[in-house]
Amino acid sequence: MSSKTISASDLRKRLADALDAVNNEDILIVTRRGKKERAIIDLDRLEDLLAVSDPEYLARIKEARESDEYFSHEDVFGDL
């Protein structure tokens, strides 16, 4: 994971390019008056972060890992 920094004024000027530069591995840090204010991240990454912060989701993963009944990545997706 890497991060890039852009000022709010540059972001206004180059919004489309800035959004194109953000992918699942990058975070775009937006500064205002030289201070870090906000971050722009890929939507898939946000969904992953929300999922892992959900206690019910984490409990279901733990339960699945402890179970003898599970499918491997290869079982589900094969040779894509």
PDB file of N, CA and C in Angstrom:
ATOM      1  N   MET A   1       0.844  -1.164   0.000  1.00  0.00           N
ATOM      2  CA  MET A   1       0.000   0.000   0.000  1.00  0.00           C
ATOM      3  C   MET A   1       0.892   1.229   0.000  1.00  0.00           C
ATOM      4  N   SER A   2       0.529   2.186  -0.822  1.00  0.00           N
ATOM      5  CA  SER A   2       1.284   3.426  -0.858  1.00  0.00           C
ATOM      6  C   SER A   2       0.313   4.592  -0.775  1.00  0.00           C
ATOM      7  N   SER A   3       0.848   5.734  -0.457  1.00  0.00           N
ATOM      8  CA  SER A   3      -0.002   6.919  -0.416  1.00  0.00           C
ATOM      9  C   SER A   3       0.646   8.027  -1.223  1.00  0.00           C
ATOM     10  N   LYS A   4      -0.206   8.839  -1.791  1.00  0.00           N
ATOM     11  CA  LYS A   4       0.213  10.015  -2.527  1.00  0.00           C
ATOM     12  C   LYS A   4      -0.461  11.203  -1.863  1.00  0.00           C
ATOM     13  N   THR A   5       0.158  12.356  -1.966  1.00  0.00           N
ATOM     14  CA  THR A   5      -0.385  13.550  -1.340  1.00  0.00           C
ATOM     15  C   THR A   5      -0.681  14.592  -2.406  1.00  0.00           C
ATOM     16  N   ILE A   6      -1.808  15.281  -2.227  1.00  0.00           N
ATOM     17  CA  ILE A   6      -2.183  16.352  -3.137  1.00  0.00           C
ATOM     18  C   ILE A   6      -2.848  17.453  -2.317  1.00  0.00           C
ATOM     19  N   SER A   7      -2.593  18.691  -2.681  1.00  0.00           N
ATOM     20  CA  SER A   7      -3.240  19.801  -1.984  1.00  0.00           C
ATOM     21  C   SER A   7      -4.683  19.921  -2.476  1.00  0.00           C
ATOM     22  N   ALA A   8      -5.524  20.494  -1.651  1.00  0.00           N
ATOM     23  CA  ALA A   8      -6.926  20.666  -2.028  1.00  0.00           C
ATOM     24  C   ALA A   8      -7.053  21.519  -3.282  1.00  0.00           C
ATOM     25  N   SER A   9      -6.215  22.544  -3.410  1.00  0.00           N
ATOM     26  CA  SER A   9      -6.300  23.397  -4.605  1.00  0.00           C
ATOM     27  C   SER A   9      -5.881  22.629  -5.860  1.00  0.00           C
ATOM     28  N   ASP A  10      -4.836  21.798  -5.765  1.00  0.00           N
ATOM     29  CA  ASP A  10      -4.449  20.968  -6.911  1.00  0.00           C
ATOM     30  C   ASP A  10      -5.522  19.932  -7.219  1.00  0.00           C
ATOM     31  N   LEU A  11      -6.158  19.409  -6.189  1.00  0.00           N
ATOM     32  CA  LEU A  11      -7.224  18.431  -6.385  1.00  0.00           C
ATOM     33  C   LEU A  11      -8.375  19.058  -7.170  1.00  0.00           C
ATOM     34  N   ARG A  12      -8.733  20.290  -6.848  1.00  0.00           N
ATOM     35  CA  ARG A  12      -9.796  20.968  -7.590  1.00  0.00           C
ATOM     36  C   ARG A  12      -9.425  21.117  -9.063  1.00  0.00           C
ATOM     37  N   LYS A  13      -8.182  21.409  -9.334  1.00  0.00           N
ATOM     38  CA  LYS A  13      -7.735  21.619 -10.718  1.00  0.00           C
ATOM     39  C   LYS A  13      -7.641  20.317 -11.499  1.00  0.00           C
ATOM     40  N   ARG A  14      -7.281  19.217 -10.799  1.00  0.00           N
ATOM     41  CA  ARG A  14      -6.990  17.958 -11.498  1.00  0.00           C
ATOM     42  C   ARG A  14      -7.787  16.786 -10.922  1.00  0.00           C
ATOM     43  N   LEU A  15      -9.057  17.008 -10.642  1.00  0.00           N
ATOM     44  CA  LEU A  15      -9.869  15.984  -9.991  1.00  0.00           C
ATOM     45  C   LEU A  15      -9.899  14.677 -10.772  1.00  0.00           C
ATOM     46  N   ALA A  16     -10.172  14.737 -12.060  1.00  0.00           N
ATOM     47  CA  ALA A  16     -10.282  13.500 -12.855  1.00  0.00           C
ATOM     48  C   ALA A  16      -8.973  12.715 -12.832  1.00  0.00           C
ATOM     49  N   ASP A  17      -7.850  13.404 -13.014  1.00  0.00           N
ATOM     50  CA  ASP A  17      -6.551  12.727 -12.989  1.00  0.00           C
ATOM     51  C   ASP A  17      -6.262  12.142 -11.608  1.00  0.00           C
ATOM     52  N   ALA A  18      -6.623  12.882 -10.570  1.00  0.00           N
ATOM     53  CA  ALA A  18      -6.374  12.409  -9.206  1.00  0.00           C
ATOM     54  C   ALA A  18      -7.191  11.158  -8.915  1.00  0.00           C
ATOM     55  N   LEU A  19      -8.446  11.150  -9.326  1.00  0.00           N
ATOM     56  CA  LEU A  19      -9.287   9.972  -9.100  1.00  0.00           C
ATOM     57  C   LEU A  19      -8.786   8.778  -9.900  1.00  0.00           C
ATOM     58  N   ASP A  20      -8.310   9.021 -11.107  1.00  0.00           N
ATOM     59  CA  ASP A  20      -7.756   7.933 -11.917  1.00  0.00           C
ATOM     60  C   ASP A  20      -6.500   7.342 -11.294  1.00  0.00           C
ATOM     61  N   ALA A  21      -5.783   8.146 -10.528  1.00  0.00           N
ATOM     62  CA  ALA A  21      -4.529   7.685  -9.929  1.00  0.00           C
ATOM     63  C   ALA A  21      -4.756   6.788  -8.716  1.00  0.00           C
ATOM     64  N   VAL A  22      -5.962   6.819  -8.152  1.00  0.00           N
ATOM     65  CA  VAL A  22      -6.255   6.000  -6.968  1.00  0.00           C
ATOM     66  C   VAL A  22      -6.686   4.613  -7.419  1.00  0.00           C
ATOM     67  N   ASN A  23      -5.995   3.599  -6.907  1.00  0.00           N
ATOM     68  CA  ASN A  23      -6.405   2.230  -7.182  1.00  0.00           C
ATOM     69  C   ASN A  23      -6.506   1.487  -5.860  1.00  0.00           C
ATOM     70  N   ASN A  24      -6.706   0.196  -5.908  1.00  0.00           N
ATOM     71  CA  ASN A  24      -6.929  -0.577  -4.687  1.00  0.00           C
ATOM     72  C   ASN A  24      -5.727  -0.572  -3.745  1.00  0.00           C
ATOM     73  N   GLU A  25      -4.565  -0.230  -4.249  1.00  0.00           N
ATOM     74  CA  GLU A  25      -3.359  -0.245  -3.417  1.00  0.00           C
ATOM     75  C   GLU A  25      -2.935   1.144  -2.949  1.00  0.00           C
ATOM     76  N   ASP A  26      -3.559   2.179  -3.479  1.00  0.00           N
ATOM     77  CA  ASP A  26      -3.128   3.540  -3.173  1.00  0.00           C
ATOM     78  C   ASP A  26      -4.160   4.295  -2.350  1.00  0.00           C
ATOM     79  N   ILE A  27      -3.674   5.230  -1.574  1.00  0.00           N
ATOM     80  CA  ILE A  27      -4.505   6.168  -0.839  1.00  0.00           C
ATOM     81  C   ILE A  27      -4.045   7.560  -1.245  1.00  0.00           C
ATOM     82  N   LEU A  28      -4.986   8.426  -1.541  1.00  0.00           N
ATOM     83  CA  LEU A  28      -4.659   9.801  -1.892  1.00  0.00           C
ATOM     84  C   LEU A  28      -4.954  10.681  -0.680  1.00  0.00           C
ATOM     85  N   ILE A  29      -3.918  11.264  -0.116  1.00  0.00           N
ATOM     86  CA  ILE A  29      -4.051  12.137   1.045  1.00  0.00           C
ATOM     87  C   ILE A  29      -4.243  13.567   0.548  1.00  0.00           C
ATOM     88  N   VAL A  30      -5.293  14.229   1.021  1.00  0.00           N
ATOM     89  CA  VAL A  30      -5.582  15.606   0.618  1.00  0.00           C
ATOM     90  C   VAL A  30      -5.153  16.528   1.749  1.00  0.00           C
ATOM     91  N   THR A  31      -4.345  17.516   1.400  1.00  0.00           N
ATOM     92  CA  THR A  31      -3.870  18.477   2.398  1.00  0.00           C
ATOM     93  C   THR A  31      -4.555  19.822   2.181  1.00  0.00           C
ATOM     94  N   ARG A  32      -4.675  20.533   3.288  1.00  0.00           N
ATOM     95  CA  ARG A  32      -5.201  21.883   3.255  1.00  0.00           C
ATOM     96  C   ARG A  32      -4.322  22.733   4.159  1.00  0.00           C
ATOM     97  N   ARG A  33      -3.747  23.769   3.591  1.00  0.00           N
ATOM     98  CA  ARG A  33      -2.802  24.634   4.311  1.00  0.00           C
ATOM     99  C   ARG A  33      -1.638  23.832   4.890  1.00  0.00           C
ATOM    100  N   GLY A  34      -1.224  22.815   4.143  1.00  0.00           N
ATOM    101  CA  GLY A  34      -0.080  22.014   4.540  1.00  0.00           C
ATOM    102  C   GLY A  34      -0.369  20.919   5.554  1.00  0.00           C
ATOM    103  N   LYS A  35      -1.605  20.809   6.005  1.00  0.00           N
ATOM    104  CA  LYS A  35      -1.968  19.777   6.985  1.00  0.00           C
ATOM    105  C   LYS A  35      -2.816  18.701   6.315  1.00  0.00           C
ATOM    106  N   LYS A  36      -2.565  17.459   6.676  1.00  0.00           N
ATOM    107  CA  LYS A  36      -3.355  16.342   6.146  1.00  0.00           C
ATOM    108  C   LYS A  36      -4.773  16.465   6.684  1.00  0.00           C
ATOM    109  N   GLU A  37      -5.740  16.470   5.761  1.00  0.00           N
ATOM    110  CA  GLU A  37      -7.144  16.673   6.140  1.00  0.00           C
ATOM    111  C   GLU A  37      -8.023  15.459   5.865  1.00  0.00           C
ATOM    112  N   ARG A  38      -7.893  14.896   4.677  1.00  0.00           N
ATOM    113  CA  ARG A  38      -8.783  13.820   4.244  1.00  0.00           C
ATOM    114  C   ARG A  38      -7.991  12.790   3.438  1.00  0.00           C
ATOM    115  N   ALA A  39      -8.688  11.685   3.142  1.00  0.00           N
ATOM    116  CA  ALA A  39      -8.087  10.658   2.299  1.00  0.00           C
ATOM    117  C   ALA A  39      -9.121  10.180   1.294  1.00  0.00           C
ATOM    118  N   ILE A  40      -8.663   9.877   0.110  1.00  0.00           N
ATOM    119  CA  ILE A  40      -9.513   9.292  -0.933  1.00  0.00           C
ATOM    120  C   ILE A  40      -8.972   7.895  -1.188  1.00  0.00           C
ATOM    121  N   ILE A  41      -9.874   6.905  -1.094  1.00  0.00           N
ATOM    122  CA  ILE A  41      -9.467   5.524  -1.321  1.00  0.00           C
ATOM    123  C   ILE A  41     -10.398   4.872  -2.334  1.00  0.00           C
ATOM    124  N   ASP A  42      -9.948   3.789  -2.902  1.00  0.00           N
ATOM    125  CA  ASP A  42     -10.725   2.998  -3.848  1.00  0.00           C
ATOM    126  C   ASP A  42     -11.952   2.421  -3.140  1.00  0.00           C
ATOM    127  N   LEU A  43     -13.079   2.370  -3.816  1.00  0.00           N
ATOM    128  CA  LEU A  43     -14.320   1.882  -3.224  1.00  0.00           C
ATOM    129  C   LEU A  43     -14.206   0.430  -2.754  1.00  0.00           C
ATOM    130  N   ASP A  44     -13.537  -0.421  -3.522  1.00  0.00           N
ATOM    131  CA  ASP A  44     -13.353  -1.817  -3.103  1.00  0.00           C
ATOM    132  C   ASP A  44     -12.567  -1.890  -1.799  1.00  0.00           C
ATOM    133  N   ARG A  45     -11.564  -1.048  -1.663  1.00  0.00           N
ATOM    134  CA  ARG A  45     -10.762  -1.026  -0.438  1.00  0.00           C
ATOM    135  C   ARG A  45     -11.611  -0.561   0.746  1.00  0.00           C
ATOM    136  N   LEU A  46     -12.457   0.444   0.518  1.00  0.00           N
ATOM    137  CA  LEU A  46     -13.347   0.918   1.576  1.00  0.00           C
ATOM    138  C   LEU A  46     -14.272  -0.199   2.035  1.00  0.00           C
ATOM    139  N   GLU A  47     -14.841  -0.918   1.082  1.00  0.00           N
ATOM    140  CA  GLU A  47     -15.731  -2.025   1.444  1.00  0.00           C
ATOM    141  C   GLU A  47     -14.989  -3.085   2.248  1.00  0.00           C
ATOM    142  N   ASP A  48     -13.742  -3.373   1.880  1.00  0.00           N
ATOM    143  CA  ASP A  48     -12.936  -4.324   2.651  1.00  0.00           C
ATOM    144  C   ASP A  48     -12.703  -3.821   4.072  1.00  0.00           C
ATOM    145  N   LEU A  49     -12.386  -2.548   4.218  1.00  0.00           N
ATOM    146  CA  LEU A  49     -12.154  -1.972   5.545  1.00  0.00           C
ATOM    147  C   LEU A  49     -13.416  -2.010   6.396  1.00  0.00           C
ATOM    148  N   LEU A  50     -14.550  -1.707   5.795  1.00  0.00           N
ATOM    149  CA  LEU A  50     -15.813  -1.765   6.531  1.00  0.00           C
ATOM    150  C   LEU A  50     -16.140  -3.193   6.947  1.00  0.00           C
ATOM    151  N   ALA A  51     -15.864  -4.134   6.060  1.00  0.00           N
ATOM    152  CA  ALA A  51     -16.161  -5.538   6.362  1.00  0.00           C
ATOM    153  C   ALA A  51     -15.332  -6.047   7.532  1.00  0.00           C
ATOM    154  N   VAL A  52     -14.050  -5.729   7.559  1.00  0.00           N
ATOM    155  CA  VAL A  52     -13.202  -6.247   8.634  1.00  0.00           C
ATOM    156  C   VAL A  52     -13.403  -5.517   9.953  1.00  0.00           C
ATOM    157  N   SER A  53     -14.131  -4.413   9.924  1.00  0.00           N
ATOM    158  CA  SER A  53     -14.421  -3.731  11.190  1.00  0.00           C
ATOM    159  C   SER A  53     -15.779  -4.154  11.752  1.00  0.00           C
ATOM    160  N   ASP A  54     -16.463  -5.066  11.059  1.00  0.00           N
ATOM    161  CA  ASP A  54     -17.771  -5.549  11.483  1.00  0.00           C
ATOM    162  C   ASP A  54     -17.594  -6.810  12.336  1.00  0.00           C
ATOM    163  N   PRO A  55     -17.911  -6.742  13.625  1.00  0.00           N
ATOM    164  CA  PRO A  55     -17.711  -7.910  14.510  1.00  0.00           C
ATOM    165  C   PRO A  55     -18.461  -9.160  14.039  1.00  0.00           C
ATOM    166  N   GLU A  56     -19.658  -8.987  13.509  1.00  0.00           N
ATOM    167  CA  GLU A  56     -20.421 -10.145  13.035  1.00  0.00           C
ATOM    168  C   GLU A  56     -19.711 -10.811  11.860  1.00  0.00           C
ATOM    169  N   TYR A  57     -19.200 -10.020  10.959  1.00  0.00           N
ATOM    170  CA  TYR A  57     -18.465 -10.542   9.813  1.00  0.00           C
ATOM    171  C   TYR A  57     -17.231 -11.311  10.284  1.00  0.00           C
ATOM    172  N   LEU A  58     -16.487 -10.735  11.215  1.00  0.00           N
ATOM    173  CA  LEU A  58     -15.292 -11.395  11.737  1.00  0.00           C
ATOM    174  C   LEU A  58     -15.646 -12.699  12.463  1.00  0.00           C
ATOM    175  N   ALA A  59     -16.748 -12.691  13.191  1.00  0.00           N
ATOM    176  CA  ALA A  59     -17.183 -13.913  13.883  1.00  0.00           C
ATOM    177  C   ALA A  59     -17.537 -15.005  12.879  1.00  0.00           C
ATOM    178  N   ARG A  60     -18.165 -14.629  11.784  1.00  0.00           N
ATOM    179  CA  ARG A  60     -18.516 -15.615  10.763  1.00  0.00           C
ATOM    180  C   ARG A  60     -17.279 -16.186  10.089  1.00  0.00           C
ATOM    181  N   ILE A  61     -16.266 -15.369   9.880  1.00  0.00           N
ATOM    182  CA  ILE A  61     -15.014 -15.867   9.310  1.00  0.00           C
ATOM    183  C   ILE A  61     -14.364 -16.852  10.276  1.00  0.00           C
ATOM    184  N   LYS A  62     -14.314 -16.495  11.556  1.00  0.00           N
ATOM    185  CA  LYS A  62     -13.714 -17.378  12.559  1.00  0.00           C
ATOM    186  C   LYS A  62     -14.458 -18.702  12.610  1.00  0.00           C
ATOM    187  N   GLU A  63     -15.774 -18.637  12.611  1.00  0.00           N
ATOM    188  CA  GLU A  63     -16.592 -19.854  12.651  1.00  0.00           C
ATOM    189  C   GLU A  63     -16.329 -20.718  11.422  1.00  0.00           C
ATOM    190  N   ALA A  64     -16.237 -20.110  10.267  1.00  0.00           N
ATOM    191  CA  ALA A  64     -15.986 -20.858   9.031  1.00  0.00           C
ATOM    192  C   ALA A  64     -14.613 -21.517   9.056  1.00  0.00           C
ATOM    193  N   ARG A  65     -13.616 -20.817   9.585  1.00  0.00           N
ATOM    194  CA  ARG A  65     -12.268 -21.378   9.645  1.00  0.00           C
ATOM    195  C   ARG A  65     -12.177 -22.539  10.625  1.00  0.00           C
ATOM    196  N   GLU A  66     -12.981 -22.502  11.670  1.00  0.00           N
ATOM    197  CA  GLU A  66     -12.969 -23.578  12.659  1.00  0.00           C
ATOM    198  C   GLU A  66     -13.785 -24.785  12.200  1.00  0.00           C
ATOM    199  N   SER A  67     -14.627 -24.591  11.214  1.00  0.00           N
ATOM    200  CA  SER A  67     -15.477 -25.655  10.699  1.00  0.00           C
ATOM    201  C   SER A  67     -14.682 -26.567   9.775  1.00  0.00           C
ATOM    202  N   ASP A  68     -15.101 -27.819   9.697  1.00  0.00           N
ATOM    203  CA  ASP A  68     -14.477 -28.753   8.758  1.00  0.00           C
ATOM    204  C   ASP A  68     -15.069 -28.611   7.361  1.00  0.00           C
ATOM    205  N   GLU A  69     -16.158 -27.894   7.243  1.00  0.00           N
ATOM    206  CA  GLU A  69     -16.825 -27.739   5.962  1.00  0.00           C
ATOM    207  C   GLU A  69     -16.489 -26.369   5.378  1.00  0.00           C
ATOM    208  N   TYR A  70     -15.584 -26.379   4.433  1.00  0.00           N
ATOM    209  CA  TYR A  70     -15.237 -25.137   3.753  1.00  0.00           C
ATOM    210  C   TYR A  70     -14.746 -25.456   2.358  1.00  0.00           C
ATOM    211  N   PHE A  71     -14.728 -24.463   1.507  1.00  0.00           N
ATOM    212  CA  PHE A  71     -14.234 -24.601   0.147  1.00  0.00           C
ATOM    213  C   PHE A  71     -12.961 -23.778   0.015  1.00  0.00           C
ATOM    214  N   SER A  72     -11.990 -24.317  -0.658  1.00  0.00           N
ATOM    215  CA  SER A  72     -10.758 -23.578  -0.905  1.00  0.00           C
ATOM    216  C   SER A  72     -10.981 -22.578  -2.035  1.00  0.00           C
ATOM    217  N   HIS A  73     -10.064 -21.682  -2.185  1.00  0.00           N
ATOM    218  CA  HIS A  73     -10.124 -20.709  -3.275  1.00  0.00           C
ATOM    219  C   HIS A  73     -10.173 -21.437  -4.610  1.00  0.00           C
ATOM    220  N   GLU A  74      -9.379 -22.488  -4.737  1.00  0.00           N
ATOM    221  CA  GLU A  74      -9.344 -23.264  -5.969  1.00  0.00           C
ATOM    222  C   GLU A  74     -10.676 -23.966  -6.228  1.00  0.00           C
ATOM    223  N   ASP A  75     -11.325 -24.468  -5.151  1.00  0.00           N
ATOM    224  CA  ASP A  75     -12.625 -25.103  -5.305  1.00  0.00           C
ATOM    225  C   ASP A  75     -13.646 -24.129  -5.870  1.00  0.00           C
ATOM    226  N   VAL A  76     -13.600 -22.911  -5.388  1.00  0.00           N
ATOM    227  CA  VAL A  76     -14.604 -21.922  -5.781  1.00  0.00           C
ATOM    228  C   VAL A  76     -14.289 -21.317  -7.146  1.00  0.00           C
ATOM    229  N   PHE A  77     -13.039 -20.941  -7.373  1.00  0.00           N
ATOM    230  CA  PHE A  77     -12.712 -20.180  -8.573  1.00  0.00           C
ATOM    231  C   PHE A  77     -11.978 -20.986  -9.641  1.00  0.00           C
ATOM    232  N   GLY A  78     -11.433 -22.120  -9.280  1.00  0.00           N
ATOM    233  CA  GLY A  78     -10.722 -22.937 -10.253  1.00  0.00           C
ATOM    234  C   GLY A  78      -9.529 -22.208 -10.852  1.00  0.00           C
ATOM    235  N   ASP A  79      -9.301 -22.421 -12.126  1.00  0.00           N
ATOM    236  CA  ASP A  79      -8.180 -21.793 -12.829  1.00  0.00           C
ATOM    237  C   ASP A  79      -8.656 -20.623 -13.663  1.00  0.00           C
ATOM    238  N   LEU A  80      -9.076 -19.578 -13.019  1.00  0.00           N
ATOM    239  CA  LEU A  80      -9.572 -18.390 -13.760  1.00  0.00           C
ATOM    240  C   LEU A  80      -8.489 -17.746 -14.505  1.00  0.00           C
TER     241      LEU A  80
END
